[in-house]
Amino acid sequence: MFDIAPSEFLLTAVVAVVVIGPKDMPRAMRTMGKWMGTVRRVSGHFRSGIETMIREAEMEEMEKKWREQNEAIMKASPPEALPSPELAEHAPTEPLAASELAGGGLPVDPHSASAQEHAAHHQAQPHEGHEQADKAKGE
């Protein structure tokens, strides 16, 4: 523990018994134990305080690095590279309802090439489901 050899410890114990006396030895050992407990508690509290300060310093350093990287990224991608407000007009504003999801697919931008091809295909070759839907609308 404190690098005390057994012979040194024995010599200290003999001197303590002679100086303090065998009668008062238990009380002296109890007092010494209390002091050792207090020293351990204070050193543990001090150690945890130092560790907290180190963690806080590391967090500040990490936040500083994050800010620097964020600024570098923002400088590297100018506002022109961000999506235009025109795209926001076509973005959905509400989540899809369950009936839309189960009804055969997601809504499609009517101006896209794939939507125009899909519409042309349906006009040329109507499916049975569409004919039944058309009949139901007419009734």
Protein backbone atom coordinates (compact mmCIF):
# COMPACT_ATOMS: atom_id res chain seq x y z
CA MET A 1 0.00 0.00 0.00
CA PHE A 2 2.53 2.64 1.12
CA ASP A 3 5.48 0.37 0.34
CA ILE A 4 5.99 -0.51 4.00
CA ALA A 5 7.94 -3.68 4.63
CA PRO A 6 6.51 -6.13 7.19
CA SER A 7 9.41 -5.49 9.57
CA GLU A 8 8.77 -1.71 9.45
CA PHE A 9 5.07 -2.27 10.11
CA LEU A 10 5.90 -4.51 13.10
CA LEU A 11 8.32 -1.93 14.51
CA THR A 12 5.64 0.82 14.13
CA ALA A 13 3.04 -1.35 15.88
CA VAL A 14 5.43 -2.08 18.81
CA VAL A 15 6.29 1.64 19.20
CA ALA A 16 2.57 2.55 19.06
CA VAL A 17 1.73 -0.01 21.78
CA VAL A 18 4.58 1.25 23.98
CA VAL A 19 3.81 4.97 23.44
CA ILE A 20 -0.01 4.82 23.42
CA GLY A 21 -0.40 1.83 25.63
CA PRO A 22 -2.40 -1.34 25.06
CA LYS A 23 -5.39 0.11 26.89
CA ASP A 24 -5.86 3.13 24.56
CA MET A 25 -4.81 1.32 21.37
CA PRO A 26 -8.38 0.46 20.15
CA ARG A 27 -9.49 4.08 20.52
CA ALA A 28 -6.38 5.32 18.67
CA MET A 29 -6.98 2.80 15.85
CA ARG A 30 -10.63 3.89 15.61
CA THR A 31 -9.59 7.57 15.43
CA MET A 32 -6.98 6.75 12.81
CA GLY A 33 -9.64 4.82 10.79
CA LYS A 34 -12.01 7.80 10.89
CA TRP A 35 -9.25 10.11 9.68
CA MET A 36 -8.35 7.69 6.86
CA GLY A 37 -12.02 7.54 5.82
CA THR A 38 -12.23 11.32 5.77
CA VAL A 39 -9.04 11.57 3.71
CA ARG A 40 -10.37 8.99 1.22
CA ARG A 41 -13.72 10.80 0.90
CA VAL A 42 -12.07 14.19 0.36
CA SER A 43 -9.63 12.75 -2.19
CA GLY A 44 -12.50 11.01 -4.01
CA HIS A 45 -14.49 14.25 -4.09
CA PHE A 46 -11.43 16.14 -5.34
CA ARG A 47 -10.77 13.50 -8.01
CA SER A 48 -14.39 13.59 -9.25
CA GLY A 49 -14.24 17.40 -9.41
CA ILE A 50 -11.06 17.26 -11.50
CA GLU A 51 -12.60 14.63 -13.81
CA THR A 52 -15.70 16.82 -14.25
CA MET A 53 -13.56 19.81 -15.18
CA ILE A 54 -11.63 17.69 -17.69
CA ARG A 55 -14.87 16.43 -19.26
CA GLU A 56 -16.25 19.97 -19.52
CA ALA A 57 -13.02 21.18 -21.16
CA GLU A 58 -13.18 18.30 -23.63
CA MET A 59 -16.83 19.12 -24.43
CA GLU A 60 -15.96 22.78 -25.06
CA GLU A 61 -13.13 21.67 -27.36
CA MET A 62 -15.46 19.31 -29.25
CA GLU A 63 -18.09 22.07 -29.61
CA LYS A 64 -15.44 24.45 -30.94
CA LYS A 65 -14.31 21.87 -33.53
CA TRP A 66 -17.95 21.23 -34.48
CA ARG A 67 -18.59 24.94 -35.00
CA GLU A 68 -15.45 25.27 -37.15
CA GLN A 69 -16.45 22.27 -39.28
CA ASN A 70 -20.01 23.56 -39.59
CA GLU A 71 -18.75 26.96 -40.74
CA ALA A 72 -16.43 25.30 -43.27
CA ILE A 73 -19.32 23.22 -44.63
CA MET A 74 -21.59 26.24 -44.87
CA LYS A 75 -18.87 28.19 -46.72
CA ALA A 76 -18.26 25.24 -49.08
CA SER A 77 -21.94 24.95 -50.04
CA PRO A 78 -23.29 28.39 -50.94
CA PRO A 79 -27.03 29.10 -50.70
CA GLU A 80 -27.41 28.56 -54.47
CA ALA A 81 -26.70 24.86 -53.91
CA LEU A 82 -29.64 24.57 -51.53
CA PRO A 83 -33.07 23.51 -52.92
CA SER A 84 -35.03 26.28 -54.57
CA PRO A 85 -38.37 27.55 -53.21
CA GLU A 86 -40.05 26.20 -56.36
CA LEU A 87 -39.43 22.67 -55.09
CA ALA A 88 -41.24 23.51 -51.88
CA GLU A 89 -44.43 24.15 -53.84
CA HIS A 90 -44.53 20.52 -55.02
CA ALA A 91 -43.56 19.02 -51.68
CA PRO A 92 -46.39 17.32 -49.78
CA THR A 93 -47.56 19.27 -46.76
CA GLU A 94 -49.41 16.46 -44.99
CA PRO A 95 -48.61 12.78 -44.48
CA LEU A 96 -50.34 10.31 -46.78
CA ALA A 97 -53.57 8.79 -45.57
CA ALA A 98 -53.84 5.03 -45.26
CA SER A 99 -56.35 4.95 -48.12
CA GLU A 100 -53.83 6.66 -50.43
CA LEU A 101 -51.14 4.17 -49.52
CA ALA A 102 -53.42 1.16 -49.98
CA GLY A 103 -55.02 2.60 -53.12
CA GLY A 104 -52.24 1.60 -55.46
CA GLY A 105 -49.27 3.83 -54.94
CA LEU A 106 -47.89 7.16 -53.99
CA PRO A 107 -49.08 10.40 -55.54
CA VAL A 108 -46.97 11.41 -58.53
CA ASP A 109 -45.97 14.85 -59.75
CA PRO A 110 -48.23 15.34 -62.82
CA HIS A 111 -45.47 17.27 -64.62
CA SER A 112 -42.84 14.50 -64.44
CA ALA A 113 -41.99 12.45 -67.53
CA SER A 114 -42.87 9.15 -65.85
CA ALA A 115 -46.31 10.47 -64.84
CA GLN A 116 -46.99 11.62 -68.41
CA GLU A 117 -45.91 8.22 -69.78
CA HIS A 118 -48.13 6.48 -67.23
CA ALA A 119 -51.13 8.64 -68.22
CA ALA A 120 -50.52 7.99 -71.92
CA HIS A 121 -50.31 4.25 -71.26
CA HIS A 122 -53.61 4.29 -69.36
CA GLN A 123 -55.34 6.25 -72.09
CA ALA A 124 -54.15 3.76 -74.72
CA GLN A 125 -54.87 0.59 -72.71
CA PRO A 126 -57.45 1.04 -69.93
CA HIS A 127 -57.36 -1.60 -67.19
CA GLU A 128 -60.38 -3.44 -65.81
CA GLY A 129 -60.05 -1.64 -62.50
CA HIS A 130 -60.31 1.74 -64.20
CA GLU A 131 -63.37 0.69 -66.19
CA GLN A 132 -65.10 -0.44 -63.00
CA ALA A 133 -64.17 2.82 -61.30
CA ASP A 134 -65.52 4.78 -64.29
CA LYS A 135 -68.80 2.82 -64.12
CA ALA A 136 -69.07 3.48 -60.39
CA LYS A 137 -68.54 7.21 -60.94
CA GLY A 138 -71.23 7.27 -63.65
CA GLU A 139 -73.84 5.58 -61.46
